[in-house]
Amino acid sequence: EEAGFRSVGPRYLPDGFNIIGADVSAVNGVRNLHFVYSDGVRTVSLFENNAGAAADFGKLKPMTTHFEGHDAQYVKDGPTTLLSWQERGLAFALVGDLDIKELIQIATSVVP
């Protein structure tokens, strides 16, 4: 409710991952819902907003990928990968110490 839109969580997480927290914050006037998942060693964050605000890749040049009929962009910086896509008026970003294949599996399970 606090986010101002209906959130969508993943139906799949890699073995051992559980939700450890969630919060709502505003970045440049855009309300973002942030879920944090962990397996005790690695973490994954899922960001959602209903303003269509895309992820900020900074100086990194994003690559394009596709899943479930969606165009998505991702970057890898050391062990961290960021995957961003849009679905039904929501913008999503997954960030974590997982490879792109694992993030796509999670992303596929988020798609309503």
PDB file of N, CA and C in Angstrom:
ATOM      1  N   GLU A   1       0.804  -1.196   0.000  1.00  0.00           N
ATOM      2  CA  GLU A   1       0.000   0.000   0.000  1.00  0.00           C
ATOM      3  C   GLU A   1       0.848   1.261   0.000  1.00  0.00           C
ATOM      4  N   GLU A   2       1.894   1.253   0.805  1.00  0.00           N
ATOM      5  CA  GLU A   2       2.746   2.429   0.940  1.00  0.00           C
ATOM      6  C   GLU A   2       3.401   2.821  -0.380  1.00  0.00           C
ATOM      7  N   ALA A   3       3.617   1.840  -1.255  1.00  0.00           N
ATOM      8  CA  ALA A   3       4.256   2.115  -2.539  1.00  0.00           C
ATOM      9  C   ALA A   3       3.322   2.846  -3.500  1.00  0.00           C
ATOM     10  N   GLY A   4       2.014   2.688  -3.310  1.00  0.00           N
ATOM     11  CA  GLY A   4       1.064   3.342  -4.192  1.00  0.00           C
ATOM     12  C   GLY A   4       0.698   2.515  -5.414  1.00  0.00           C
ATOM     13  N   PHE A   5       1.125   1.271  -5.448  1.00  0.00           N
ATOM     14  CA  PHE A   5       0.782   0.369  -6.534  1.00  0.00           C
ATOM     15  C   PHE A   5       0.838  -1.060  -6.005  1.00  0.00           C
ATOM     16  N   ARG A   6       0.245  -1.977  -6.752  1.00  0.00           N
ATOM     17  CA  ARG A   6       0.263  -3.378  -6.337  1.00  0.00           C
ATOM     18  C   ARG A   6       1.591  -4.005  -6.748  1.00  0.00           C
ATOM     19  N   SER A   7       2.317  -4.498  -5.765  1.00  0.00           N
ATOM     20  CA  SER A   7       3.635  -5.070  -6.049  1.00  0.00           C
ATOM     21  C   SER A   7       3.505  -6.499  -6.576  1.00  0.00           C
ATOM     22  N   VAL A   8       4.557  -6.929  -7.245  1.00  0.00           N
ATOM     23  CA  VAL A   8       4.621  -8.280  -7.785  1.00  0.00           C
ATOM     24  C   VAL A   8       5.930  -8.886  -7.314  1.00  0.00           C
ATOM     25  N   GLY A   9       5.853  -9.975  -6.579  1.00  0.00           N
ATOM     26  CA  GLY A   9       7.063 -10.634  -6.096  1.00  0.00           C
ATOM     27  C   GLY A   9       7.400 -11.859  -6.922  1.00  0.00           C
ATOM     28  N   PRO A  10       8.605 -12.361  -6.799  1.00  0.00           N
ATOM     29  CA  PRO A  10       9.009 -13.545  -7.554  1.00  0.00           C
ATOM     30  C   PRO A  10       8.357 -14.821  -7.009  1.00  0.00           C
ATOM     31  N   ARG A  11       7.977 -15.703  -7.907  1.00  0.00           N
ATOM     32  CA  ARG A  11       7.477 -17.017  -7.515  1.00  0.00           C
ATOM     33  C   ARG A  11       8.625 -18.017  -7.422  1.00  0.00           C
ATOM     34  N   TYR A  12       9.792 -17.621  -7.959  1.00  0.00           N
ATOM     35  CA  TYR A  12      10.977 -18.480  -7.913  1.00  0.00           C
ATOM     36  C   TYR A  12      12.148 -17.695  -7.339  1.00  0.00           C
ATOM     37  N   LEU A  13      12.881 -18.338  -6.446  1.00  0.00           N
ATOM     38  CA  LEU A  13      14.166 -17.839  -5.961  1.00  0.00           C
ATOM     39  C   LEU A  13      15.109 -19.026  -5.916  1.00  0.00           C
ATOM     40  N   PRO A  14      16.406 -18.823  -6.137  1.00  0.00           N
ATOM     41  CA  PRO A  14      17.346 -19.932  -6.045  1.00  0.00           C
ATOM     42  C   PRO A  14      17.288 -20.559  -4.641  1.00  0.00           C
ATOM     43  N   ASP A  15      17.695 -21.816  -4.554  1.00  0.00           N
ATOM     44  CA  ASP A  15      17.686 -22.542  -3.280  1.00  0.00           C
ATOM     45  C   ASP A  15      18.341 -21.738  -2.176  1.00  0.00           C
ATOM     46  N   GLY A  16      17.669 -21.704  -1.038  1.00  0.00           N
ATOM     47  CA  GLY A  16      18.216 -21.047   0.138  1.00  0.00           C
ATOM     48  C   GLY A  16      17.865 -19.580   0.272  1.00  0.00           C
ATOM     49  N   PHE A  17      17.340 -18.954  -0.782  1.00  0.00           N
ATOM     50  CA  PHE A  17      17.009 -17.533  -0.714  1.00  0.00           C
ATOM     51  C   PHE A  17      15.653 -17.319  -0.053  1.00  0.00           C
ATOM     52  N   ASN A  18      15.603 -16.351   0.852  1.00  0.00           N
ATOM     53  CA  ASN A  18      14.384 -15.937   1.532  1.00  0.00           C
ATOM     54  C   ASN A  18      14.372 -14.420   1.622  1.00  0.00           C
ATOM     55  N   ILE A  19      13.172 -13.861   1.778  1.00  0.00           N
ATOM     56  CA  ILE A  19      13.078 -12.413   1.933  1.00  0.00           C
ATOM     57  C   ILE A  19      13.620 -12.021   3.307  1.00  0.00           C
ATOM     58  N   ILE A  20      14.431 -10.970   3.317  1.00  0.00           N
ATOM     59  CA  ILE A  20      14.977 -10.496   4.600  1.00  0.00           C
ATOM     60  C   ILE A  20      14.552  -9.061   4.894  1.00  0.00           C
ATOM     61  N   GLY A  21      13.918  -8.391   3.927  1.00  0.00           N
ATOM     62  CA  GLY A  21      13.471  -7.032   4.184  1.00  0.00           C
ATOM     63  C   GLY A  21      12.802  -6.407   2.981  1.00  0.00           C
ATOM     64  N   ALA A  22      12.088  -5.305   3.255  1.00  0.00           N
ATOM     65  CA  ALA A  22      11.444  -4.536   2.200  1.00  0.00           C
ATOM     66  C   ALA A  22      11.252  -3.115   2.702  1.00  0.00           C
ATOM     67  N   ASP A  23      11.317  -2.159   1.777  1.00  0.00           N
ATOM     68  CA  ASP A  23      11.054  -0.772   2.140  1.00  0.00           C
ATOM     69  C   ASP A  23      10.605   0.009   0.917  1.00  0.00           C
ATOM     70  N   VAL A  24      10.075   1.192   1.169  1.00  0.00           N
ATOM     71  CA  VAL A  24       9.666   2.107   0.110  1.00  0.00           C
ATOM     72  C   VAL A  24      10.503   3.363   0.261  1.00  0.00           C
ATOM     73  N   SER A  25      11.041   3.829  -0.856  1.00  0.00           N
ATOM     74  CA  SER A  25      11.818   5.064  -0.825  1.00  0.00           C
ATOM     75  C   SER A  25      11.503   5.866  -2.079  1.00  0.00           C
ATOM     76  N   ALA A  26      11.823   7.140  -2.040  1.00  0.00           N
ATOM     77  CA  ALA A  26      11.629   8.004  -3.200  1.00  0.00           C
ATOM     78  C   ALA A  26      12.991   8.422  -3.735  1.00  0.00           C
ATOM     79  N   VAL A  27      13.181   8.241  -5.038  1.00  0.00           N
ATOM     80  CA  VAL A  27      14.399   8.658  -5.712  1.00  0.00           C
ATOM     81  C   VAL A  27      13.979   9.575  -6.846  1.00  0.00           C
ATOM     82  N   ASN A  28      14.428  10.824  -6.798  1.00  0.00           N
ATOM     83  CA  ASN A  28      14.035  11.831  -7.792  1.00  0.00           C
ATOM     84  C   ASN A  28      12.517  11.922  -7.935  1.00  0.00           C
ATOM     85  N   GLY A  29      11.806  11.814  -6.817  1.00  0.00           N
ATOM     86  CA  GLY A  29      10.357  11.929  -6.826  1.00  0.00           C
ATOM     87  C   GLY A  29       9.613  10.672  -7.230  1.00  0.00           C
ATOM     88  N   VAL A  30      10.318   9.585  -7.510  1.00  0.00           N
ATOM     89  CA  VAL A  30       9.694   8.327  -7.913  1.00  0.00           C
ATOM     90  C   VAL A  30       9.714   7.369  -6.728  1.00  0.00           C
ATOM     91  N   ARG A  31       8.526   6.880  -6.360  1.00  0.00           N
ATOM     92  CA  ARG A  31       8.438   5.911  -5.257  1.00  0.00           C
ATOM     93  C   ARG A  31       8.872   4.543  -5.751  1.00  0.00           C
ATOM     94  N   ASN A  32       9.816   3.949  -5.044  1.00  0.00           N
ATOM     95  CA  ASN A  32      10.342   2.629  -5.379  1.00  0.00           C
ATOM     96  C   ASN A  32      10.101   1.670  -4.233  1.00  0.00           C
ATOM     97  N   LEU A  33       9.643   0.489  -4.572  1.00  0.00           N
ATOM     98  CA  LEU A  33       9.507  -0.585  -3.613  1.00  0.00           C
ATOM     99  C   LEU A  33      10.747  -1.455  -3.760  1.00  0.00           C
ATOM    100  N   HIS A  34      11.381  -1.772  -2.649  1.00  0.00           N
ATOM    101  CA  HIS A  34      12.649  -2.506  -2.660  1.00  0.00           C
ATOM    102  C   HIS A  34      12.518  -3.743  -1.768  1.00  0.00           C
ATOM    103  N   PHE A  35      12.657  -4.927  -2.363  1.00  0.00           N
ATOM    104  CA  PHE A  35      12.677  -6.191  -1.631  1.00  0.00           C
ATOM    105  C   PHE A  35      14.119  -6.694  -1.597  1.00  0.00           C
ATOM    106  N   VAL A  36      14.536  -7.258  -0.475  1.00  0.00           N
ATOM    107  CA  VAL A  36      15.876  -7.823  -0.351  1.00  0.00           C
ATOM    108  C   VAL A  36      15.738  -9.298   0.013  1.00  0.00           C
ATOM    109  N   TYR A  37      16.442 -10.143  -0.758  1.00  0.00           N
ATOM    110  CA  TYR A  37      16.444 -11.586  -0.540  1.00  0.00           C
ATOM    111  C   TYR A  37      17.890 -12.026  -0.303  1.00  0.00           C
ATOM    112  N   SER A  38      18.077 -13.076   0.511  1.00  0.00           N
ATOM    113  CA  SER A  38      19.428 -13.564   0.774  1.00  0.00           C
ATOM    114  C   SER A  38      19.413 -15.066   1.034  1.00  0.00           C
ATOM    115  N   ASP A  39      20.547 -15.696   0.733  1.00  0.00           N
ATOM    116  CA  ASP A  39      20.743 -17.094   1.106  1.00  0.00           C
ATOM    117  C   ASP A  39      21.741 -17.194   2.264  1.00  0.00           C
ATOM    118  N   GLY A  40      22.046 -16.071   2.893  1.00  0.00           N
ATOM    119  CA  GLY A  40      22.997 -16.030   3.996  1.00  0.00           C
ATOM    120  C   GLY A  40      24.395 -15.639   3.554  1.00  0.00           C
ATOM    121  N   VAL A  41      24.664 -15.761   2.253  1.00  0.00           N
ATOM    122  CA  VAL A  41      25.964 -15.378   1.697  1.00  0.00           C
ATOM    123  C   VAL A  41      25.773 -14.315   0.618  1.00  0.00           C
ATOM    124  N   ARG A  42      24.890 -14.577  -0.304  1.00  0.00           N
ATOM    125  CA  ARG A  42      24.614 -13.661  -1.413  1.00  0.00           C
ATOM    126  C   ARG A  42      23.290 -12.938  -1.173  1.00  0.00           C
ATOM    127  N   THR A  43      23.138 -11.776  -1.796  1.00  0.00           N
ATOM    128  CA  THR A  43      21.878 -11.044  -1.721  1.00  0.00           C
ATOM    129  C   THR A  43      21.391 -10.684  -3.121  1.00  0.00           C
ATOM    130  N   VAL A  44      20.080 -10.518  -3.232  1.00  0.00           N
ATOM    131  CA  VAL A  44      19.436 -10.068  -4.455  1.00  0.00           C
ATOM    132  C   VAL A  44      18.412  -9.021  -4.057  1.00  0.00           C
ATOM    133  N   SER A  45      18.401  -7.898  -4.762  1.00  0.00           N
ATOM    134  CA  SER A  45      17.410  -6.853  -4.545  1.00  0.00           C
ATOM    135  C   SER A  45      16.487  -6.790  -5.750  1.00  0.00           C
ATOM    136  N   LEU A  46      15.190  -6.621  -5.467  1.00  0.00           N
ATOM    137  CA  LEU A  46      14.191  -6.407  -6.506  1.00  0.00           C
ATOM    138  C   LEU A  46      13.593  -5.026  -6.266  1.00  0.00           C
ATOM    139  N   PHE A  47      13.726  -4.142  -7.266  1.00  0.00           N
ATOM    140  CA  PHE A  47      13.159  -2.802  -7.211  1.00  0.00           C
ATOM    141  C   PHE A  47      11.978  -2.739  -8.163  1.00  0.00           C
ATOM    142  N   GLU A  48      10.909  -2.063  -7.734  1.00  0.00           N
ATOM    143  CA  GLU A  48       9.728  -1.879  -8.571  1.00  0.00           C
ATOM    144  C   GLU A  48       9.248  -0.441  -8.443  1.00  0.00           C
ATOM    145  N   ASN A  49       8.771   0.121  -9.554  1.00  0.00           N
ATOM    146  CA  ASN A  49       8.097   1.413  -9.500  1.00  0.00           C
ATOM    147  C   ASN A  49       7.040   1.454 -10.598  1.00  0.00           C
ATOM    148  N   ASN A  50       6.044   2.308 -10.408  1.00  0.00           N
ATOM    149  CA  ASN A  50       4.972   2.409 -11.407  1.00  0.00           C
ATOM    150  C   ASN A  50       5.081   3.682 -12.239  1.00  0.00           C
ATOM    151  N   ALA A  51       6.240   4.324 -12.212  1.00  0.00           N
ATOM    152  CA  ALA A  51       6.456   5.553 -12.970  1.00  0.00           C
ATOM    153  C   ALA A  51       7.230   5.298 -14.264  1.00  0.00           C
ATOM    154  N   GLY A  52       7.541   4.029 -14.537  1.00  0.00           N
ATOM    155  CA  GLY A  52       8.305   3.717 -15.739  1.00  0.00           C
ATOM    156  C   GLY A  52       9.743   4.168 -15.670  1.00  0.00           C
ATOM    157  N   ALA A  53      10.214   4.486 -14.451  1.00  0.00           N
ATOM    158  CA  ALA A  53      11.588   4.969 -14.274  1.00  0.00           C
ATOM    159  C   ALA A  53      12.565   3.812 -14.454  1.00  0.00           C
ATOM    160  N   ALA A  54      13.389   3.909 -15.464  1.00  0.00           N
ATOM    161  CA  ALA A  54      14.348   2.859 -15.781  1.00  0.00           C
ATOM    162  C   ALA A  54      15.514   2.869 -14.796  1.00  0.00           C
ATOM    163  N   ALA A  55      16.196   1.745 -14.728  1.00  0.00           N
ATOM    164  CA  ALA A  55      17.380   1.623 -13.873  1.00  0.00           C
ATOM    165  C   ALA A  55      18.483   2.535 -14.380  1.00  0.00           C
ATOM    166  N   ASP A  56      19.273   3.029 -13.462  1.00  0.00           N
ATOM    167  CA  ASP A  56      20.421   3.868 -13.800  1.00  0.00           C
ATOM    168  C   ASP A  56      21.651   2.970 -13.882  1.00  0.00           C
ATOM    169  N   PHE A  57      22.199   2.814 -15.079  1.00  0.00           N
ATOM    170  CA  PHE A  57      23.357   1.953 -15.283  1.00  0.00           C
ATOM    171  C   PHE A  57      24.675   2.692 -15.071  1.00  0.00           C
ATOM    172  N   GLY A  58      24.593   3.966 -14.753  1.00  0.00           N
ATOM    173  CA  GLY A  58      25.803   4.743 -14.529  1.00  0.00           C
ATOM    174  C   GLY A  58      26.647   4.802 -15.782  1.00  0.00           C
ATOM    175  N   LYS A  59      27.939   4.558 -15.637  1.00  0.00           N
ATOM    176  CA  LYS A  59      28.871   4.607 -16.767  1.00  0.00           C
ATOM    177  C   LYS A  59      28.935   3.296 -17.540  1.00  0.00           C
ATOM    178  N   LEU A  60      28.249   2.268 -17.045  1.00  0.00           N
ATOM    179  CA  LEU A  60      28.291   0.962 -17.696  1.00  0.00           C
ATOM    180  C   LEU A  60      27.364   0.941 -18.903  1.00  0.00           C
ATOM    181  N   LYS A  61      27.798   0.259 -19.954  1.00  0.00           N
ATOM    182  CA  LYS A  61      26.997   0.154 -21.172  1.00  0.00           C
ATOM    183  C   LYS A  61      26.139  -1.110 -21.094  1.00  0.00           C
ATOM    184  N   PRO A  62      24.793  -0.950 -21.057  1.00  0.00           N
ATOM    185  CA  PRO A  62      23.936  -2.127 -20.927  1.00  0.00           C
ATOM    186  C   PRO A  62      23.891  -2.975 -22.196  1.00  0.00           C
ATOM    187  N   MET A  63      23.725  -4.276 -21.974  1.00  0.00           N
ATOM    188  CA  MET A  63      23.520  -5.239 -23.054  1.00  0.00           C
ATOM    189  C   MET A  63      22.043  -5.604 -23.061  1.00  0.00           C
ATOM    190  N   THR A  64      21.558  -6.076 -24.196  1.00  0.00           N
ATOM    191  CA  THR A  64      20.149  -6.427 -24.340  1.00  0.00           C
ATOM    192  C   THR A  64      19.977  -7.932 -24.264  1.00  0.00           C
ATOM    193  N   THR A  65      18.890  -8.347 -23.614  1.00  0.00           N
ATOM    194  CA  THR A  65      18.502  -9.748 -23.575  1.00  0.00           C
ATOM    195  C   THR A  65      16.984  -9.811 -23.691  1.00  0.00           C
ATOM    196  N   HIS A  66      16.428 -10.996 -23.849  1.00  0.00           N
ATOM    197  CA  HIS A  66      14.987 -11.188 -24.001  1.00  0.00           C
ATOM    198  C   HIS A  66      14.552 -12.374 -23.157  1.00  0.00           C
ATOM    199  N   PHE A  67      13.356 -12.266 -22.557  1.00  0.00           N
ATOM    200  CA  PHE A  67      12.754 -13.402 -21.859  1.00  0.00           C
ATOM    201  C   PHE A  67      11.248 -13.198 -21.823  1.00  0.00           C
ATOM    202  N   GLU A  68      10.499 -14.271 -21.968  1.00  0.00           N
ATOM    203  CA  GLU A  68       9.041 -14.226 -21.886  1.00  0.00           C
ATOM    204  C   GLU A  68       8.443 -13.075 -22.704  1.00  0.00           C
ATOM    205  N   GLY A  69       9.016 -12.824 -23.881  1.00  0.00           N
ATOM    206  CA  GLY A  69       8.510 -11.760 -24.733  1.00  0.00           C
ATOM    207  C   GLY A  69       8.874 -10.349 -24.300  1.00  0.00           C
ATOM    208  N   HIS A  70       9.791 -10.231 -23.365  1.00  0.00           N
ATOM    209  CA  HIS A  70      10.208  -8.918 -22.867  1.00  0.00           C
ATOM    210  C   HIS A  70      11.615  -8.590 -23.340  1.00  0.00           C
ATOM    211  N   ASP A  71      11.809  -7.330 -23.681  1.00  0.00           N
ATOM    212  CA  ASP A  71      13.152  -6.830 -23.913  1.00  0.00           C
ATOM    213  C   ASP A  71      13.676  -6.361 -22.566  1.00  0.00           C
ATOM    214  N   ALA A  72      14.892  -6.690 -22.260  1.00  0.00           N
ATOM    215  CA  ALA A  72      15.490  -6.295 -20.989  1.00  0.00           C
ATOM    216  C   ALA A  72      16.916  -5.850 -21.239  1.00  0.00           C
ATOM    217  N   GLN A  73      17.443  -5.102 -20.285  1.00  0.00           N
ATOM    218  CA  GLN A  73      18.836  -4.664 -20.356  1.00  0.00           C
ATOM    219  C   GLN A  73      19.547  -5.125 -19.099  1.00  0.00           C
ATOM    220  N   TYR A  74      20.843  -5.406 -19.254  1.00  0.00           N
ATOM    221  CA  TYR A  74      21.614  -5.801 -18.078  1.00  0.00           C
ATOM    222  C   TYR A  74      23.054  -5.329 -18.203  1.00  0.00           C
ATOM    223  N   VAL A  75      23.675  -5.212 -17.036  1.00  0.00           N
ATOM    224  CA  VAL A  75      25.102  -4.904 -16.956  1.00  0.00           C
ATOM    225  C   VAL A  75      25.699  -5.819 -15.893  1.00  0.00           C
ATOM    226  N   LYS A  76      26.971  -6.068 -16.043  1.00  0.00           N
ATOM    227  CA  LYS A  76      27.712  -6.847 -15.057  1.00  0.00           C
ATOM    228  C   LYS A  76      28.912  -6.015 -14.638  1.00  0.00           C
ATOM    229  N   ASP A  77      29.084  -5.888 -13.325  1.00  0.00           N
ATOM    230  CA  ASP A  77      30.200  -5.129 -12.776  1.00  0.00           C
ATOM    231  C   ASP A  77      30.810  -5.978 -11.673  1.00  0.00           C
ATOM    232  N   GLY A  78      31.910  -6.653 -11.990  1.00  0.00           N
ATOM    233  CA  GLY A  78      32.502  -7.593 -11.036  1.00  0.00           C
ATOM    234  C   GLY A  78      31.521  -8.726 -10.802  1.00  0.00           C
ATOM    235  N   PRO A  79      31.254  -9.078  -9.542  1.00  0.00           N
ATOM    236  CA  PRO A  79      30.327 -10.179  -9.269  1.00  0.00           C
ATOM    237  C   PRO A  79      28.855  -9.759  -9.321  1.00  0.00           C
ATOM    238  N   THR A  80      28.585  -8.467  -9.483  1.00  0.00           N
ATOM    239  CA  THR A  80      27.213  -7.954  -9.413  1.00  0.00           C
ATOM    240  C   THR A  80      26.622  -7.768 -10.806  1.00  0.00           C
ATOM    241  N   THR A  81      25.390  -8.240 -10.975  1.00  0.00           N
ATOM    242  CA  THR A  81      24.657  -8.089 -12.224  1.00  0.00           C
ATOM    243  C   THR A  81      23.381  -7.315 -11.947  1.00  0.00           C
ATOM    244  N   LEU A  82      23.014  -6.399 -12.857  1.00  0.00           N
ATOM    245  CA  LEU A  82      21.776  -5.633 -12.771  1.00  0.00           C
ATOM    246  C   LEU A  82      20.971  -5.922 -14.023  1.00  0.00           C
ATOM    247  N   LEU A  83      19.735  -6.367 -13.852  1.00  0.00           N
ATOM    248  CA  LEU A  83      18.815  -6.681 -14.946  1.00  0.00           C
ATOM    249  C   LEU A  83      17.592  -5.786 -14.802  1.00  0.00           C
ATOM    250  N   SER A  84      17.172  -5.122 -15.888  1.00  0.00           N
ATOM    251  CA  SER A  84      16.062  -4.177 -15.853  1.00  0.00           C
ATOM    252  C   SER A  84      15.088  -4.466 -16.990  1.00  0.00           C
ATOM    253  N   TRP A  85      13.763  -4.379 -16.682  1.00  0.00           N
ATOM    254  CA  TRP A  85      12.735  -4.581 -17.696  1.00  0.00           C
ATOM    255  C   TRP A  85      11.447  -3.899 -17.240  1.00  0.00           C
ATOM    256  N   GLN A  86      10.465  -3.823 -18.161  1.00  0.00           N
ATOM    257  CA  GLN A  86       9.173  -3.230 -17.829  1.00  0.00           C
ATOM    258  C   GLN A  86       8.071  -4.221 -18.164  1.00  0.00           C
ATOM    259  N   GLU A  87       7.007  -4.155 -17.372  1.00  0.00           N
ATOM    260  CA  GLU A  87       5.879  -5.073 -17.532  1.00  0.00           C
ATOM    261  C   GLU A  87       4.630  -4.416 -16.989  1.00  0.00           C
ATOM    262  N   ARG A  88       3.575  -4.290 -17.804  1.00  0.00           N
ATOM    263  CA  ARG A  88       2.268  -3.804 -17.381  1.00  0.00           C
ATOM    264  C   ARG A  88       2.326  -2.529 -16.543  1.00  0.00           C
ATOM    265  N   GLY A  89       3.064  -1.555 -17.021  1.00  0.00           N
ATOM    266  CA  GLY A  89       3.124  -0.274 -16.343  1.00  0.00           C
ATOM    267  C   GLY A  89       4.062  -0.212 -15.151  1.00  0.00           C
ATOM    268  N   LEU A  90       4.764  -1.296 -14.872  1.00  0.00           N
ATOM    269  CA  LEU A  90       5.743  -1.310 -13.781  1.00  0.00           C
ATOM    270  C   LEU A  90       7.146  -1.453 -14.352  1.00  0.00           C
ATOM    271  N   ALA A  91       8.090  -0.782 -13.729  1.00  0.00           N
ATOM    272  CA  ALA A  91       9.505  -0.933 -14.084  1.00  0.00           C
ATOM    273  C   ALA A  91      10.150  -1.782 -12.989  1.00  0.00           C
ATOM    274  N   PHE A  92      10.951  -2.765 -13.395  1.00  0.00           N
ATOM    275  CA  PHE A  92      11.598  -3.687 -12.473  1.00  0.00           C
ATOM    276  C   PHE A  92      13.111  -3.651 -12.658  1.00  0.00           C
ATOM    277  N   ALA A  93      13.829  -3.883 -11.582  1.00  0.00           N
ATOM    278  CA  ALA A  93      15.281  -4.070 -11.646  1.00  0.00           C
ATOM    279  C   ALA A  93      15.659  -5.109 -10.601  1.00  0.00           C
ATOM    280  N   LEU A  94      16.449  -6.074 -11.013  1.00  0.00           N
ATOM    281  CA  LEU A  94      17.024  -7.074 -10.121  1.00  0.00           C
ATOM    282  C   LEU A  94      18.519  -6.814 -10.052  1.00  0.00           C
ATOM    283  N   VAL A  95      19.066  -6.792  -8.850  1.00  0.00           N
ATOM    284  CA  VAL A  95      20.489  -6.543  -8.655  1.00  0.00           C
ATOM    285  C   VAL A  95      21.013  -7.582  -7.673  1.00  0.00           C
ATOM    286  N   GLY A  96      22.089  -8.261  -8.044  1.00  0.00           N
ATOM    287  CA  GLY A  96      22.638  -9.228  -7.106  1.00  0.00           C
ATOM    288  C   GLY A  96      23.907  -9.871  -7.582  1.00  0.00           C
ATOM    289  N   ASP A  97      24.483 -10.652  -6.690  1.00  0.00           N
ATOM    290  CA  ASP A  97      25.710 -11.385  -6.972  1.00  0.00           C
ATOM    291  C   ASP A  97      25.374 -12.743  -7.594  1.00  0.00           C
ATOM    292  N   LEU A  98      24.565 -12.713  -8.633  1.00  0.00           N
ATOM    293  CA  LEU A  98      24.157 -13.903  -9.370  1.00  0.00           C
ATOM    294  C   LEU A  98      24.462 -13.675 -10.841  1.00  0.00           C
ATOM    295  N   ASP A  99      24.555 -14.761 -11.600  1.00  0.00           N
ATOM    296  CA  ASP A  99      24.802 -14.573 -13.031  1.00  0.00           C
ATOM    297  C   ASP A  99      23.491 -14.218 -13.732  1.00  0.00           C
ATOM    298  N   ILE A 100      23.599 -13.774 -14.966  1.00  0.00           N
ATOM    299  CA  ILE A 100      22.434 -13.290 -15.707  1.00  0.00           C
ATOM    300  C   ILE A 100      21.389 -14.389 -15.876  1.00  0.00           C
ATOM    301  N   LYS A 101      21.800 -15.648 -16.042  1.00  0.00           N
ATOM    302  CA  LYS A 101      20.834 -16.743 -16.207  1.00  0.00           C
ATOM    303  C   LYS A 101      19.957 -16.890 -14.968  1.00  0.00           C
ATOM    304  N   GLU A 102      20.562 -16.782 -13.782  1.00  0.00           N
ATOM    305  CA  GLU A 102      19.788 -16.890 -12.544  1.00  0.00           C
ATOM    306  C   GLU A 102      18.846 -15.695 -12.381  1.00  0.00           C
ATOM    307  N   LEU A 103      19.323 -14.492 -12.712  1.00  0.00           N
ATOM    308  CA  LEU A 103      18.462 -13.319 -12.611  1.00  0.00           C
ATOM    309  C   LEU A 103      17.293 -13.410 -13.588  1.00  0.00           C
ATOM    310  N   ILE A 104      17.526 -13.937 -14.778  1.00  0.00           N
ATOM    311  CA  ILE A 104      16.436 -14.105 -15.745  1.00  0.00           C
ATOM    312  C   ILE A 104      15.415 -15.110 -15.231  1.00  0.00           C
ATOM    313  N   GLN A 105      15.858 -16.183 -14.569  1.00  0.00           N
ATOM    314  CA  GLN A 105      14.918 -17.138 -13.982  1.00  0.00           C
ATOM    315  C   GLN A 105      14.037 -16.450 -12.938  1.00  0.00           C
ATOM    316  N   ILE A 106      14.637 -15.618 -12.110  1.00  0.00           N
ATOM    317  CA  ILE A 106      13.865 -14.876 -11.107  1.00  0.00           C
ATOM    318  C   ILE A 106      12.915 -13.919 -11.812  1.00  0.00           C
ATOM    319  N   ALA A 107      13.424 -13.160 -12.790  1.00  0.00           N
ATOM    320  CA  ALA A 107      12.620 -12.178 -13.514  1.00  0.00           C
ATOM    321  C   ALA A 107      11.424 -12.832 -14.187  1.00  0.00           C
ATOM    322  N   THR A 108      11.643 -13.985 -14.789  1.00  0.00           N
ATOM    323  CA  THR A 108      10.558 -14.710 -15.450  1.00  0.00           C
ATOM    324  C   THR A 108       9.455 -15.043 -14.456  1.00  0.00           C
ATOM    325  N   SER A 109       9.821 -15.326 -13.215  1.00  0.00           N
ATOM    326  CA  SER A 109       8.820 -15.674 -12.210  1.00  0.00           C
ATOM    327  C   SER A 109       8.120 -14.428 -11.644  1.00  0.00           C
ATOM    328  N   VAL A 110       8.643 -13.241 -11.896  1.00  0.00           N
ATOM    329  CA  VAL A 110       8.017 -12.003 -11.443  1.00  0.00           C
ATOM    330  C   VAL A 110       6.937 -11.574 -12.420  1.00  0.00           C
ATOM    331  N   VAL A 111       7.112 -11.873 -13.676  1.00  0.00           N
ATOM    332  CA  VAL A 111       6.177 -11.448 -14.712  1.00  0.00           C
ATOM    333  C   VAL A 111       4.782 -11.972 -14.383  1.00  0.00           C
ATOM    334  N   PRO A 112       3.811 -11.062 -14.207  1.00  0.00           N
ATOM    335  CA  PRO A 112       2.447 -11.499 -13.817  1.00  0.00           C
ATOM    336  C   PRO A 112       1.766 -12.304 -14.909  1.00  0.00           C
TER     337      PRO A 112
END
